[in-house]
N, C-alpha and C. Protein backbone atom coordinates (compact mmCIF):
# COMPACT_ATOMS: atom_id res chain seq x y z
N UNK A 1 -29.06 -42.69 -13.26
CA UNK A 1 -27.89 -42.13 -13.95
C UNK A 1 -28.04 -40.63 -14.14
N UNK A 2 -29.27 -40.23 -14.58
CA UNK A 2 -29.53 -38.81 -14.80
C UNK A 2 -29.37 -38.03 -13.51
N UNK A 3 -29.85 -38.64 -12.38
CA UNK A 3 -29.74 -37.97 -11.08
C UNK A 3 -28.27 -37.82 -10.68
N UNK A 4 -27.43 -38.86 -10.96
CA UNK A 4 -26.00 -38.80 -10.63
C UNK A 4 -25.32 -37.70 -11.43
N UNK A 5 -25.65 -37.60 -12.73
CA UNK A 5 -25.07 -36.55 -13.57
C UNK A 5 -25.47 -35.18 -13.06
N UNK A 6 -26.74 -35.06 -12.65
CA UNK A 6 -27.23 -33.79 -12.13
C UNK A 6 -26.49 -33.38 -10.87
N UNK A 7 -26.27 -34.34 -9.95
CA UNK A 7 -25.55 -34.05 -8.71
C UNK A 7 -24.11 -33.65 -9.00
N UNK A 8 -23.49 -34.34 -9.97
CA UNK A 8 -22.11 -34.01 -10.34
C UNK A 8 -22.03 -32.60 -10.90
N UNK A 9 -23.03 -32.24 -11.70
CA UNK A 9 -23.06 -30.90 -12.29
C UNK A 9 -23.17 -29.83 -11.22
N UNK A 10 -23.97 -30.12 -10.18
CA UNK A 10 -24.14 -29.18 -9.08
C UNK A 10 -22.82 -28.97 -8.35
N UNK A 11 -22.11 -30.09 -8.09
CA UNK A 11 -20.82 -30.01 -7.40
C UNK A 11 -19.82 -29.20 -8.22
N UNK A 12 -19.76 -29.51 -9.54
CA UNK A 12 -18.83 -28.79 -10.41
C UNK A 12 -19.17 -27.31 -10.49
N UNK A 13 -20.48 -27.00 -10.54
CA UNK A 13 -20.91 -25.61 -10.58
C UNK A 13 -20.54 -24.90 -9.28
N UNK A 14 -20.66 -25.65 -8.17
CA UNK A 14 -20.28 -25.08 -6.87
C UNK A 14 -18.81 -24.73 -6.83
N UNK A 15 -17.97 -25.64 -7.33
CA UNK A 15 -16.52 -25.38 -7.37
C UNK A 15 -16.21 -24.21 -8.29
N UNK A 16 -16.94 -24.09 -9.40
CA UNK A 16 -16.74 -22.97 -10.31
C UNK A 16 -17.04 -21.65 -9.62
N UNK A 17 -18.10 -21.62 -8.82
CA UNK A 17 -18.44 -20.41 -8.07
C UNK A 17 -17.35 -20.05 -7.07
N UNK A 18 -16.81 -21.06 -6.40
CA UNK A 18 -15.74 -20.82 -5.44
C UNK A 18 -14.54 -20.20 -6.14
N UNK A 19 -14.16 -20.79 -7.29
CA UNK A 19 -13.01 -20.27 -8.02
C UNK A 19 -13.25 -18.87 -8.54
N UNK A 20 -14.49 -18.61 -9.00
CA UNK A 20 -14.83 -17.30 -9.53
C UNK A 20 -14.77 -16.23 -8.45
N UNK A 21 -15.20 -16.59 -7.24
CA UNK A 21 -15.28 -15.63 -6.15
C UNK A 21 -14.01 -15.58 -5.30
N UNK A 22 -13.02 -16.40 -5.65
CA UNK A 22 -11.80 -16.45 -4.85
C UNK A 22 -11.08 -15.10 -4.92
N UNK A 23 -10.58 -14.65 -3.77
CA UNK A 23 -9.87 -13.38 -3.73
C UNK A 23 -8.50 -13.51 -4.37
N UNK A 24 -8.07 -12.43 -5.00
CA UNK A 24 -6.75 -12.39 -5.60
C UNK A 24 -5.68 -12.48 -4.52
N UNK A 25 -4.65 -13.29 -4.78
CA UNK A 25 -3.55 -13.43 -3.84
C UNK A 25 -2.23 -13.39 -4.60
N UNK A 26 -1.41 -12.38 -4.32
CA UNK A 26 -0.15 -12.18 -5.03
C UNK A 26 0.95 -13.03 -4.43
N UNK A 27 1.68 -13.74 -5.29
CA UNK A 27 2.77 -14.61 -4.85
C UNK A 27 4.14 -14.03 -5.17
N UNK A 28 4.20 -12.76 -5.59
CA UNK A 28 5.46 -12.14 -6.01
C UNK A 28 6.36 -11.83 -4.81
N UNK A 29 7.65 -11.62 -5.12
CA UNK A 29 8.63 -11.20 -4.11
C UNK A 29 8.73 -9.67 -4.16
N UNK A 30 8.10 -9.02 -3.18
CA UNK A 30 8.03 -7.56 -3.16
C UNK A 30 8.35 -7.04 -1.76
N UNK A 31 9.23 -6.05 -1.69
CA UNK A 31 9.40 -5.28 -0.45
C UNK A 31 8.49 -4.06 -0.58
N UNK A 32 7.40 -4.06 0.17
CA UNK A 32 6.37 -3.02 0.04
C UNK A 32 6.31 -2.17 1.30
N UNK A 33 6.27 -0.85 1.11
CA UNK A 33 6.13 0.07 2.23
C UNK A 33 4.74 0.72 2.17
N UNK A 34 4.05 0.73 3.31
CA UNK A 34 2.78 1.43 3.45
C UNK A 34 3.05 2.72 4.22
N UNK A 35 2.74 3.88 3.61
CA UNK A 35 2.93 5.18 4.25
C UNK A 35 1.57 5.86 4.41
N UNK A 36 1.18 6.14 5.66
CA UNK A 36 -0.13 6.72 5.93
C UNK A 36 0.00 8.14 6.49
N UNK A 37 -0.73 9.06 5.90
CA UNK A 37 -0.75 10.46 6.32
C UNK A 37 -1.63 10.60 7.57
N UNK A 38 -1.01 11.04 8.69
CA UNK A 38 -1.78 11.24 9.93
C UNK A 38 -1.77 12.71 10.35
N UNK A 39 -1.68 13.61 9.35
CA UNK A 39 -1.61 15.04 9.65
C UNK A 39 -3.00 15.62 9.91
N UNK A 40 -3.03 16.90 10.28
CA UNK A 40 -4.28 17.56 10.68
C UNK A 40 -5.28 17.67 9.53
N UNK A 41 -4.80 17.68 8.28
CA UNK A 41 -5.72 17.80 7.15
C UNK A 41 -6.45 16.49 6.87
N UNK A 42 -6.04 15.43 7.53
CA UNK A 42 -6.71 14.14 7.47
C UNK A 42 -7.40 13.92 8.81
N UNK A 43 -8.70 13.73 8.81
CA UNK A 43 -9.41 13.56 10.08
C UNK A 43 -9.05 12.22 10.72
N UNK A 44 -9.29 12.13 12.00
CA UNK A 44 -9.00 10.88 12.71
C UNK A 44 -9.85 9.73 12.17
N UNK A 45 -11.11 10.03 11.80
CA UNK A 45 -11.98 9.00 11.21
C UNK A 45 -11.43 8.53 9.87
N UNK A 46 -10.95 9.49 9.05
CA UNK A 46 -10.38 9.12 7.76
C UNK A 46 -9.10 8.31 7.94
N UNK A 47 -8.34 8.64 8.96
CA UNK A 47 -7.12 7.87 9.24
C UNK A 47 -7.46 6.43 9.59
N UNK A 48 -8.53 6.25 10.37
CA UNK A 48 -8.98 4.90 10.70
C UNK A 48 -9.41 4.15 9.43
N UNK A 49 -10.04 4.88 8.50
CA UNK A 49 -10.48 4.27 7.24
C UNK A 49 -9.31 3.84 6.38
N UNK A 50 -8.27 4.68 6.29
CA UNK A 50 -7.14 4.30 5.44
C UNK A 50 -6.31 3.18 6.08
N UNK A 51 -6.32 3.10 7.41
CA UNK A 51 -5.66 1.96 8.05
C UNK A 51 -6.39 0.66 7.68
N UNK A 52 -7.71 0.72 7.66
CA UNK A 52 -8.49 -0.47 7.28
C UNK A 52 -8.21 -0.83 5.82
N UNK A 53 -8.14 0.19 4.95
CA UNK A 53 -7.82 -0.04 3.54
C UNK A 53 -6.45 -0.72 3.41
N UNK A 54 -5.45 -0.20 4.13
CA UNK A 54 -4.10 -0.75 4.06
C UNK A 54 -4.08 -2.20 4.56
N UNK A 55 -4.80 -2.46 5.65
CA UNK A 55 -4.86 -3.83 6.19
C UNK A 55 -5.50 -4.78 5.19
N UNK A 56 -6.58 -4.34 4.54
CA UNK A 56 -7.24 -5.18 3.53
C UNK A 56 -6.34 -5.37 2.30
N UNK A 57 -5.57 -4.34 1.96
CA UNK A 57 -4.67 -4.43 0.81
C UNK A 57 -3.63 -5.52 1.01
N UNK A 58 -2.97 -5.53 2.15
CA UNK A 58 -1.88 -6.51 2.36
C UNK A 58 -2.40 -7.94 2.47
N UNK A 59 -3.70 -8.09 2.73
CA UNK A 59 -4.27 -9.43 2.80
C UNK A 59 -4.32 -10.10 1.42
N UNK A 60 -4.09 -9.33 0.38
CA UNK A 60 -4.05 -9.89 -0.98
C UNK A 60 -2.65 -10.37 -1.36
N UNK A 61 -1.72 -10.36 -0.40
CA UNK A 61 -0.35 -10.76 -0.69
C UNK A 61 0.08 -11.91 0.20
N UNK A 62 0.91 -12.81 -0.35
CA UNK A 62 1.51 -13.88 0.43
C UNK A 62 2.64 -13.26 1.25
N UNK A 63 2.41 -13.08 2.55
CA UNK A 63 3.36 -12.38 3.41
C UNK A 63 4.37 -13.37 4.00
N UNK A 64 5.65 -13.15 3.68
CA UNK A 64 6.71 -13.98 4.26
C UNK A 64 8.05 -13.33 3.91
N UNK A 65 9.11 -13.84 4.48
CA UNK A 65 10.45 -13.34 4.16
C UNK A 65 10.81 -13.62 2.70
N UNK A 66 10.24 -14.69 2.14
CA UNK A 66 10.57 -15.09 0.78
C UNK A 66 9.63 -14.52 -0.28
N UNK A 67 8.45 -14.07 0.13
CA UNK A 67 7.48 -13.52 -0.82
C UNK A 67 7.37 -12.01 -0.60
N UNK A 68 6.19 -11.52 -0.23
CA UNK A 68 6.03 -10.08 0.01
C UNK A 68 6.26 -9.77 1.48
N UNK A 69 7.14 -8.81 1.72
CA UNK A 69 7.39 -8.32 3.08
C UNK A 69 6.93 -6.86 3.13
N UNK A 70 6.45 -6.43 4.28
CA UNK A 70 5.82 -5.11 4.39
C UNK A 70 6.40 -4.30 5.54
N UNK A 71 6.78 -3.07 5.24
CA UNK A 71 7.11 -2.09 6.28
C UNK A 71 5.95 -1.10 6.35
N UNK A 72 5.63 -0.62 7.54
CA UNK A 72 4.47 0.26 7.70
C UNK A 72 4.81 1.47 8.57
N UNK A 73 4.40 2.66 8.11
CA UNK A 73 4.70 3.91 8.82
C UNK A 73 3.54 4.89 8.68
N UNK A 74 3.44 5.78 9.66
CA UNK A 74 2.56 6.94 9.52
C UNK A 74 3.44 8.18 9.68
N UNK A 75 2.97 9.29 9.11
CA UNK A 75 3.77 10.51 9.17
C UNK A 75 2.88 11.73 9.40
N UNK A 76 3.40 12.64 10.19
CA UNK A 76 2.80 13.96 10.40
C UNK A 76 3.98 14.86 10.72
N UNK A 77 4.06 15.39 11.94
CA UNK A 77 5.26 16.14 12.33
C UNK A 77 6.44 15.19 12.52
N UNK A 78 6.12 13.93 12.89
CA UNK A 78 7.13 12.90 13.08
C UNK A 78 6.78 11.69 12.23
N UNK A 79 7.73 10.81 12.06
CA UNK A 79 7.50 9.54 11.37
C UNK A 79 7.40 8.45 12.42
N UNK A 80 6.31 7.71 12.41
CA UNK A 80 6.10 6.61 13.36
C UNK A 80 6.20 5.29 12.60
N UNK A 81 7.19 4.49 12.95
CA UNK A 81 7.42 3.21 12.27
C UNK A 81 6.71 2.08 13.00
N UNK A 82 5.76 1.46 12.31
CA UNK A 82 5.05 0.32 12.89
C UNK A 82 5.84 -0.97 12.75
N UNK A 83 6.54 -1.11 11.63
CA UNK A 83 7.39 -2.28 11.44
C UNK A 83 8.37 -2.02 10.31
N UNK A 84 9.52 -2.66 10.39
CA UNK A 84 10.53 -2.66 9.34
C UNK A 84 10.57 -4.05 8.70
N UNK A 85 11.33 -4.17 7.63
CA UNK A 85 11.42 -5.45 6.92
C UNK A 85 12.10 -6.54 7.75
N UNK A 86 12.90 -6.17 8.74
CA UNK A 86 13.59 -7.19 9.53
C UNK A 86 12.80 -7.63 10.76
N UNK A 87 11.58 -7.15 10.92
CA UNK A 87 10.72 -7.61 12.01
C UNK A 87 10.14 -8.99 11.68
N UNK A 88 9.65 -9.67 12.71
CA UNK A 88 9.05 -10.99 12.50
C UNK A 88 7.91 -10.88 11.49
N UNK A 89 7.88 -11.80 10.53
CA UNK A 89 6.96 -11.67 9.40
C UNK A 89 5.81 -12.67 9.48
N UNK A 90 4.60 -12.13 9.40
CA UNK A 90 3.38 -12.91 9.19
C UNK A 90 2.31 -11.91 8.79
N UNK A 91 1.27 -12.40 8.15
CA UNK A 91 0.19 -11.49 7.77
C UNK A 91 -0.43 -10.84 9.00
N UNK A 92 -0.60 -11.62 10.05
CA UNK A 92 -1.17 -11.08 11.28
C UNK A 92 -0.32 -9.98 11.88
N UNK A 93 1.02 -10.17 11.85
CA UNK A 93 1.93 -9.16 12.41
C UNK A 93 1.87 -7.87 11.61
N UNK A 94 1.77 -8.00 10.28
CA UNK A 94 1.69 -6.81 9.42
C UNK A 94 0.39 -6.06 9.67
N UNK A 95 -0.71 -6.77 9.70
CA UNK A 95 -2.01 -6.13 9.93
C UNK A 95 -2.04 -5.45 11.30
N UNK A 96 -1.52 -6.12 12.31
CA UNK A 96 -1.48 -5.55 13.66
C UNK A 96 -0.65 -4.26 13.69
N UNK A 97 0.49 -4.26 12.99
CA UNK A 97 1.35 -3.07 12.95
C UNK A 97 0.63 -1.90 12.29
N UNK A 98 -0.12 -2.18 11.23
CA UNK A 98 -0.88 -1.12 10.55
C UNK A 98 -1.98 -0.58 11.47
N UNK A 99 -2.69 -1.49 12.10
CA UNK A 99 -3.79 -1.07 12.98
C UNK A 99 -3.31 -0.23 14.15
N UNK A 100 -2.06 -0.43 14.58
CA UNK A 100 -1.54 0.29 15.75
C UNK A 100 -0.81 1.58 15.41
N UNK A 101 -0.73 1.94 14.13
CA UNK A 101 -0.11 3.20 13.76
C UNK A 101 -0.89 4.36 14.37
N UNK A 102 -0.21 5.35 14.98
CA UNK A 102 -0.91 6.41 15.71
C UNK A 102 -1.34 7.58 14.83
N UNK A 103 -2.42 8.20 15.22
CA UNK A 103 -2.86 9.45 14.59
C UNK A 103 -2.23 10.61 15.34
N UNK A 104 -1.59 11.53 14.59
CA UNK A 104 -0.88 12.63 15.23
C UNK A 104 -1.61 13.96 15.07
N UNK A 105 -2.11 14.25 13.86
CA UNK A 105 -2.88 15.45 13.64
C UNK A 105 -2.09 16.74 13.69
N UNK A 106 -0.90 16.74 13.11
CA UNK A 106 -0.06 17.93 13.11
C UNK A 106 0.31 18.29 11.66
N UNK A 107 1.53 18.78 11.44
CA UNK A 107 1.98 19.15 10.10
C UNK A 107 2.19 17.91 9.24
N UNK A 108 2.46 18.14 7.95
CA UNK A 108 2.57 17.02 7.00
C UNK A 108 4.00 16.90 6.51
N UNK A 109 4.88 16.31 7.32
CA UNK A 109 6.28 16.19 6.94
C UNK A 109 6.52 14.89 6.16
N UNK A 110 5.90 14.85 5.00
CA UNK A 110 6.11 13.71 4.11
C UNK A 110 7.58 13.57 3.75
N UNK A 111 8.28 14.70 3.69
CA UNK A 111 9.71 14.66 3.36
C UNK A 111 10.50 13.84 4.37
N UNK A 112 10.11 13.91 5.66
CA UNK A 112 10.78 13.10 6.68
C UNK A 112 10.59 11.61 6.38
N UNK A 113 9.35 11.25 5.99
CA UNK A 113 9.06 9.84 5.71
C UNK A 113 9.85 9.35 4.49
N UNK A 114 9.88 10.16 3.44
CA UNK A 114 10.61 9.76 2.23
C UNK A 114 12.11 9.68 2.49
N UNK A 115 12.61 10.61 3.31
CA UNK A 115 14.03 10.57 3.68
C UNK A 115 14.36 9.30 4.45
N UNK A 116 13.42 8.87 5.30
CA UNK A 116 13.63 7.64 6.07
C UNK A 116 13.65 6.42 5.15
N UNK A 117 12.79 6.41 4.14
CA UNK A 117 12.80 5.31 3.18
C UNK A 117 14.13 5.24 2.46
N UNK A 118 14.62 6.40 2.07
CA UNK A 118 15.85 6.48 1.30
C UNK A 118 17.07 6.07 2.12
N UNK A 119 17.13 6.53 3.37
CA UNK A 119 18.33 6.31 4.17
C UNK A 119 18.30 5.07 5.05
N UNK A 120 17.08 4.59 5.40
CA UNK A 120 16.99 3.48 6.35
C UNK A 120 16.17 2.29 5.84
N UNK A 121 14.92 2.52 5.52
CA UNK A 121 13.97 1.43 5.30
C UNK A 121 14.42 0.48 4.20
N UNK A 122 14.88 1.03 3.07
CA UNK A 122 15.30 0.19 1.95
C UNK A 122 16.78 -0.19 2.04
N UNK A 123 17.31 -0.14 3.25
CA UNK A 123 18.68 -0.55 3.49
C UNK A 123 18.68 -2.01 3.97
N UNK A 124 19.64 -2.81 3.51
CA UNK A 124 19.67 -4.23 3.89
C UNK A 124 19.86 -4.42 5.39
N UNK A 125 20.42 -3.41 6.07
CA UNK A 125 20.57 -3.47 7.53
C UNK A 125 19.20 -3.58 8.21
N UNK A 126 18.18 -3.01 7.57
CA UNK A 126 16.83 -3.04 8.12
C UNK A 126 15.97 -4.12 7.45
N UNK A 127 16.63 -5.07 6.80
CA UNK A 127 15.93 -6.23 6.27
C UNK A 127 15.51 -6.15 4.82
N UNK A 128 15.77 -5.03 4.16
CA UNK A 128 15.38 -4.90 2.76
C UNK A 128 16.24 -5.81 1.88
N UNK A 129 15.62 -6.34 0.84
CA UNK A 129 16.33 -7.19 -0.10
C UNK A 129 16.87 -6.36 -1.27
N UNK A 130 17.93 -6.85 -1.88
CA UNK A 130 18.48 -6.16 -3.05
C UNK A 130 17.56 -6.44 -4.23
N UNK A 131 17.05 -5.39 -4.90
CA UNK A 131 16.13 -5.63 -6.02
C UNK A 131 16.83 -6.26 -7.20
N UNK A 132 16.13 -7.17 -7.88
CA UNK A 132 16.66 -7.81 -9.08
C UNK A 132 15.47 -8.20 -9.96
N UNK A 133 15.68 -9.08 -10.90
CA UNK A 133 14.59 -9.44 -11.82
C UNK A 133 13.44 -10.14 -11.10
N UNK A 134 13.69 -10.69 -9.91
CA UNK A 134 12.65 -11.39 -9.16
C UNK A 134 12.11 -10.57 -7.98
N UNK A 135 12.96 -9.80 -7.34
CA UNK A 135 12.57 -9.05 -6.14
C UNK A 135 12.31 -7.58 -6.50
N UNK A 136 11.11 -7.11 -6.18
CA UNK A 136 10.70 -5.76 -6.56
C UNK A 136 10.44 -4.90 -5.31
N UNK A 137 10.34 -3.59 -5.54
CA UNK A 137 10.09 -2.65 -4.45
C UNK A 137 8.89 -1.76 -4.78
N UNK A 138 8.03 -1.54 -3.80
CA UNK A 138 6.85 -0.70 -4.02
C UNK A 138 6.57 0.13 -2.76
N UNK A 139 6.10 1.36 -2.98
CA UNK A 139 5.68 2.24 -1.88
C UNK A 139 4.25 2.69 -2.16
N UNK A 140 3.38 2.52 -1.18
CA UNK A 140 1.99 2.98 -1.29
C UNK A 140 1.81 4.14 -0.31
N UNK A 141 1.55 5.34 -0.84
CA UNK A 141 1.39 6.54 -0.01
C UNK A 141 -0.08 6.94 -0.01
N UNK A 142 -0.68 7.01 1.19
CA UNK A 142 -2.08 7.42 1.34
C UNK A 142 -2.12 8.79 1.97
N UNK A 143 -2.54 9.80 1.18
CA UNK A 143 -2.43 11.19 1.62
C UNK A 143 -3.38 12.07 0.81
N UNK A 144 -3.56 13.33 1.25
CA UNK A 144 -4.30 14.30 0.44
C UNK A 144 -3.34 15.11 -0.42
N UNK A 145 -2.04 14.94 -0.20
CA UNK A 145 -1.04 15.54 -1.07
C UNK A 145 -0.55 16.93 -0.71
N UNK A 146 -0.93 17.42 0.47
CA UNK A 146 -0.52 18.76 0.85
C UNK A 146 0.64 18.69 1.85
N UNK A 147 1.81 18.29 1.37
CA UNK A 147 2.96 18.17 2.27
C UNK A 147 3.49 19.55 2.64
N UNK A 148 4.06 19.65 3.82
CA UNK A 148 4.49 20.95 4.36
C UNK A 148 5.62 21.57 3.56
N UNK A 149 6.53 20.77 3.01
CA UNK A 149 7.69 21.30 2.28
C UNK A 149 7.39 21.51 0.80
N UNK A 150 6.28 21.02 0.31
CA UNK A 150 5.90 21.26 -1.07
C UNK A 150 6.37 20.21 -2.06
N UNK A 151 5.87 20.34 -3.28
CA UNK A 151 6.06 19.32 -4.30
C UNK A 151 7.51 19.17 -4.75
N UNK A 152 8.28 20.25 -4.73
CA UNK A 152 9.66 20.16 -5.20
C UNK A 152 10.50 19.24 -4.33
N UNK A 153 10.28 19.32 -3.01
CA UNK A 153 11.01 18.44 -2.09
C UNK A 153 10.54 17.00 -2.28
N UNK A 154 9.22 16.83 -2.44
CA UNK A 154 8.68 15.49 -2.69
C UNK A 154 9.30 14.91 -3.96
N UNK A 155 9.37 15.70 -5.01
CA UNK A 155 9.94 15.24 -6.27
C UNK A 155 11.40 14.85 -6.10
N UNK A 156 12.14 15.64 -5.33
CA UNK A 156 13.56 15.34 -5.11
C UNK A 156 13.74 13.95 -4.51
N UNK A 157 12.93 13.65 -3.48
CA UNK A 157 13.07 12.35 -2.81
C UNK A 157 12.51 11.21 -3.67
N UNK A 158 11.36 11.43 -4.31
CA UNK A 158 10.80 10.34 -5.12
C UNK A 158 11.69 10.01 -6.30
N UNK A 159 12.30 11.04 -6.90
CA UNK A 159 13.22 10.78 -8.01
C UNK A 159 14.40 9.92 -7.56
N UNK A 160 14.92 10.22 -6.37
CA UNK A 160 16.05 9.45 -5.85
C UNK A 160 15.64 8.02 -5.53
N UNK A 161 14.45 7.85 -4.99
CA UNK A 161 13.96 6.50 -4.68
C UNK A 161 13.68 5.71 -5.95
N UNK A 162 13.18 6.40 -6.97
CA UNK A 162 12.89 5.71 -8.23
C UNK A 162 14.16 5.19 -8.89
N UNK A 163 15.28 5.86 -8.67
CA UNK A 163 16.56 5.36 -9.20
C UNK A 163 17.00 4.09 -8.48
N UNK A 164 16.38 3.82 -7.32
CA UNK A 164 16.66 2.59 -6.57
C UNK A 164 15.59 1.54 -6.84
N UNK A 165 14.95 1.65 -8.00
CA UNK A 165 13.96 0.66 -8.47
C UNK A 165 12.71 0.60 -7.59
N UNK A 166 12.32 1.74 -7.02
CA UNK A 166 11.10 1.81 -6.22
C UNK A 166 9.95 2.30 -7.09
N UNK A 167 8.85 1.54 -7.12
CA UNK A 167 7.63 1.95 -7.80
C UNK A 167 6.68 2.58 -6.79
N UNK A 168 6.08 3.71 -7.17
CA UNK A 168 5.19 4.43 -6.27
C UNK A 168 3.73 4.28 -6.68
N UNK A 169 2.87 4.15 -5.65
CA UNK A 169 1.42 4.13 -5.82
C UNK A 169 0.85 5.16 -4.85
N UNK A 170 0.03 6.09 -5.36
CA UNK A 170 -0.56 7.09 -4.47
C UNK A 170 -2.06 6.86 -4.35
N UNK A 171 -2.54 7.03 -3.11
CA UNK A 171 -3.96 6.89 -2.82
C UNK A 171 -4.44 8.22 -2.25
N UNK A 172 -5.22 8.96 -3.03
CA UNK A 172 -5.76 10.24 -2.58
C UNK A 172 -7.00 10.03 -1.75
N UNK A 173 -7.10 10.73 -0.62
CA UNK A 173 -8.15 10.41 0.36
C UNK A 173 -9.01 11.63 0.67
N UNK A 174 -9.24 12.49 -0.31
CA UNK A 174 -10.03 13.69 -0.08
C UNK A 174 -10.60 14.19 -1.40
N UNK A 175 -11.65 15.01 -1.32
CA UNK A 175 -12.19 15.65 -2.52
C UNK A 175 -11.30 16.79 -2.96
N UNK A 176 -10.44 17.28 -2.07
CA UNK A 176 -9.58 18.43 -2.35
C UNK A 176 -8.11 18.02 -2.27
N UNK A 177 -7.73 17.08 -3.11
CA UNK A 177 -6.35 16.61 -3.12
C UNK A 177 -5.47 17.56 -3.92
N UNK A 178 -4.19 17.54 -3.60
CA UNK A 178 -3.19 18.24 -4.40
C UNK A 178 -2.75 17.27 -5.50
N UNK A 179 -3.45 17.31 -6.63
CA UNK A 179 -3.25 16.32 -7.69
C UNK A 179 -1.80 16.29 -8.22
N UNK A 180 -1.16 17.44 -8.44
CA UNK A 180 0.23 17.38 -8.92
C UNK A 180 1.15 16.61 -7.97
N UNK A 181 0.95 16.78 -6.66
CA UNK A 181 1.80 16.06 -5.72
C UNK A 181 1.46 14.57 -5.71
N UNK A 182 0.18 14.25 -5.81
CA UNK A 182 -0.22 12.84 -5.89
C UNK A 182 0.33 12.19 -7.16
N UNK A 183 0.40 12.98 -8.25
CA UNK A 183 0.99 12.45 -9.48
C UNK A 183 2.48 12.18 -9.30
N UNK A 184 3.15 13.04 -8.54
CA UNK A 184 4.57 12.84 -8.28
C UNK A 184 4.80 11.60 -7.43
N UNK A 185 3.81 11.27 -6.61
CA UNK A 185 3.89 10.10 -5.73
C UNK A 185 3.41 8.82 -6.41
N UNK A 186 3.15 8.90 -7.71
CA UNK A 186 2.71 7.74 -8.48
C UNK A 186 3.65 7.53 -9.65
N UNK A 187 4.07 6.29 -9.85
CA UNK A 187 4.87 5.99 -11.03
C UNK A 187 3.98 6.10 -12.28
N UNK A 188 4.62 6.10 -13.44
CA UNK A 188 3.88 6.24 -14.70
C UNK A 188 3.56 4.87 -15.29
N UNK A 189 2.41 4.73 -15.95
CA UNK A 189 1.34 5.71 -16.10
C UNK A 189 0.53 5.87 -14.82
N UNK A 190 0.15 7.11 -14.51
CA UNK A 190 -0.48 7.38 -13.22
C UNK A 190 -1.86 6.75 -13.09
N UNK A 191 -2.53 6.48 -14.19
CA UNK A 191 -3.89 5.93 -14.08
C UNK A 191 -3.91 4.55 -13.45
N UNK A 192 -2.80 3.79 -13.57
CA UNK A 192 -2.77 2.46 -12.93
C UNK A 192 -1.97 2.47 -11.64
N UNK A 193 -1.36 3.61 -11.32
CA UNK A 193 -0.57 3.72 -10.09
C UNK A 193 -1.22 4.68 -9.09
N UNK A 194 -2.48 4.99 -9.30
CA UNK A 194 -3.13 5.99 -8.45
C UNK A 194 -4.60 5.67 -8.24
N UNK A 195 -5.09 6.00 -7.04
CA UNK A 195 -6.50 5.83 -6.69
C UNK A 195 -6.90 7.03 -5.84
N UNK A 196 -7.98 7.70 -6.22
CA UNK A 196 -8.45 8.86 -5.46
C UNK A 196 -9.91 8.64 -5.05
N UNK A 197 -10.16 8.74 -3.75
CA UNK A 197 -11.51 8.53 -3.21
C UNK A 197 -11.83 9.65 -2.23
N UNK A 198 -12.99 10.28 -2.40
CA UNK A 198 -13.47 11.29 -1.44
C UNK A 198 -14.13 10.55 -0.29
N UNK A 199 -13.41 10.42 0.81
CA UNK A 199 -13.92 9.63 1.93
C UNK A 199 -15.13 10.26 2.63
N UNK A 200 -15.40 11.52 2.34
CA UNK A 200 -16.59 12.15 2.91
C UNK A 200 -17.86 11.69 2.19
N UNK A 201 -17.69 11.19 0.97
CA UNK A 201 -18.83 10.73 0.19
C UNK A 201 -18.86 9.21 0.02
N UNK A 202 -17.70 8.62 -0.11
CA UNK A 202 -17.61 7.18 -0.36
C UNK A 202 -16.49 6.57 0.45
N UNK A 203 -16.62 5.29 0.70
CA UNK A 203 -15.52 4.56 1.30
C UNK A 203 -14.86 3.73 0.20
N UNK A 204 -13.76 3.10 0.53
CA UNK A 204 -13.10 2.24 -0.44
C UNK A 204 -13.94 0.99 -0.67
N UNK A 205 -14.01 0.55 -1.91
CA UNK A 205 -14.74 -0.68 -2.22
C UNK A 205 -13.77 -1.86 -2.26
N UNK A 206 -14.31 -3.04 -2.15
CA UNK A 206 -13.51 -4.26 -2.22
C UNK A 206 -12.81 -4.35 -3.58
N UNK A 207 -13.51 -3.94 -4.63
CA UNK A 207 -12.93 -3.98 -5.98
C UNK A 207 -11.75 -3.03 -6.11
N UNK A 208 -11.84 -1.85 -5.48
CA UNK A 208 -10.73 -0.89 -5.54
C UNK A 208 -9.49 -1.43 -4.83
N UNK A 209 -9.70 -2.06 -3.69
CA UNK A 209 -8.58 -2.66 -2.95
C UNK A 209 -7.92 -3.74 -3.80
N UNK A 210 -8.72 -4.60 -4.39
CA UNK A 210 -8.17 -5.70 -5.18
C UNK A 210 -7.49 -5.19 -6.45
N UNK A 211 -8.07 -4.17 -7.07
CA UNK A 211 -7.45 -3.62 -8.29
C UNK A 211 -6.07 -3.08 -7.99
N UNK A 212 -5.95 -2.34 -6.86
CA UNK A 212 -4.64 -1.79 -6.51
C UNK A 212 -3.65 -2.92 -6.18
N UNK A 213 -4.12 -3.94 -5.49
CA UNK A 213 -3.26 -5.08 -5.17
C UNK A 213 -2.74 -5.73 -6.45
N UNK A 214 -3.58 -5.87 -7.45
CA UNK A 214 -3.17 -6.49 -8.72
C UNK A 214 -2.13 -5.64 -9.43
N UNK A 215 -2.29 -4.31 -9.38
CA UNK A 215 -1.32 -3.43 -10.03
C UNK A 215 0.05 -3.47 -9.29
N UNK A 216 -0.02 -3.51 -7.97
CA UNK A 216 1.24 -3.62 -7.20
C UNK A 216 1.94 -4.94 -7.53
N UNK A 217 1.15 -5.99 -7.70
CA UNK A 217 1.71 -7.31 -7.98
C UNK A 217 2.41 -7.36 -9.34
N UNK A 218 2.09 -6.41 -10.23
CA UNK A 218 2.69 -6.38 -11.57
C UNK A 218 3.98 -5.60 -11.64
N UNK A 219 4.44 -5.02 -10.53
CA UNK A 219 5.59 -4.12 -10.59
C UNK A 219 6.80 -4.78 -11.25
N UNK A 220 7.49 -3.98 -12.04
CA UNK A 220 8.68 -4.46 -12.74
C UNK A 220 9.87 -3.57 -12.43
């Protein structure tokens, strides 16, 4: 009897470990946009790193037309769209689209990307859902914050997007970020809507990816 109880305890402890170590998975209905900076101030190696971060981030979400849907873009002199909300949806398709985003290495026309979000991406013609108490909108911008047109233009577009119920999350990817612009690209309070990592010294940790995923999942 004692041996049976001991074996049962081992099994239960094993299940407890599985539950404790289980990765966070968001079941919310979110239209999420991933925006990656591929300008010259971001090295090609760093761009590869932020693509990996973005791919790991979306793996924390239930990807489907009914749950979280993801649009993915990179920006430099031009905006390169990897996928829109009306494309075929699966986690594999989203990750593949992120991985295939091109590195351009030119100017930082973040304004072009934000303009595209405002005029096209969050339009129902491109598959976006109308936000309500259940369906939320989020934009994750990974950049060093030195956009070519400056913070005032960024503020103009982010303010307009915020009136359309878009929550912003900024991910700083350098030791020399333009903090005021990154703050403009983050909803308030900025401490839970922002992550800054010097990729020359450190890479993103699993905990950082999961923490950001949890904050995105809380959007209201």
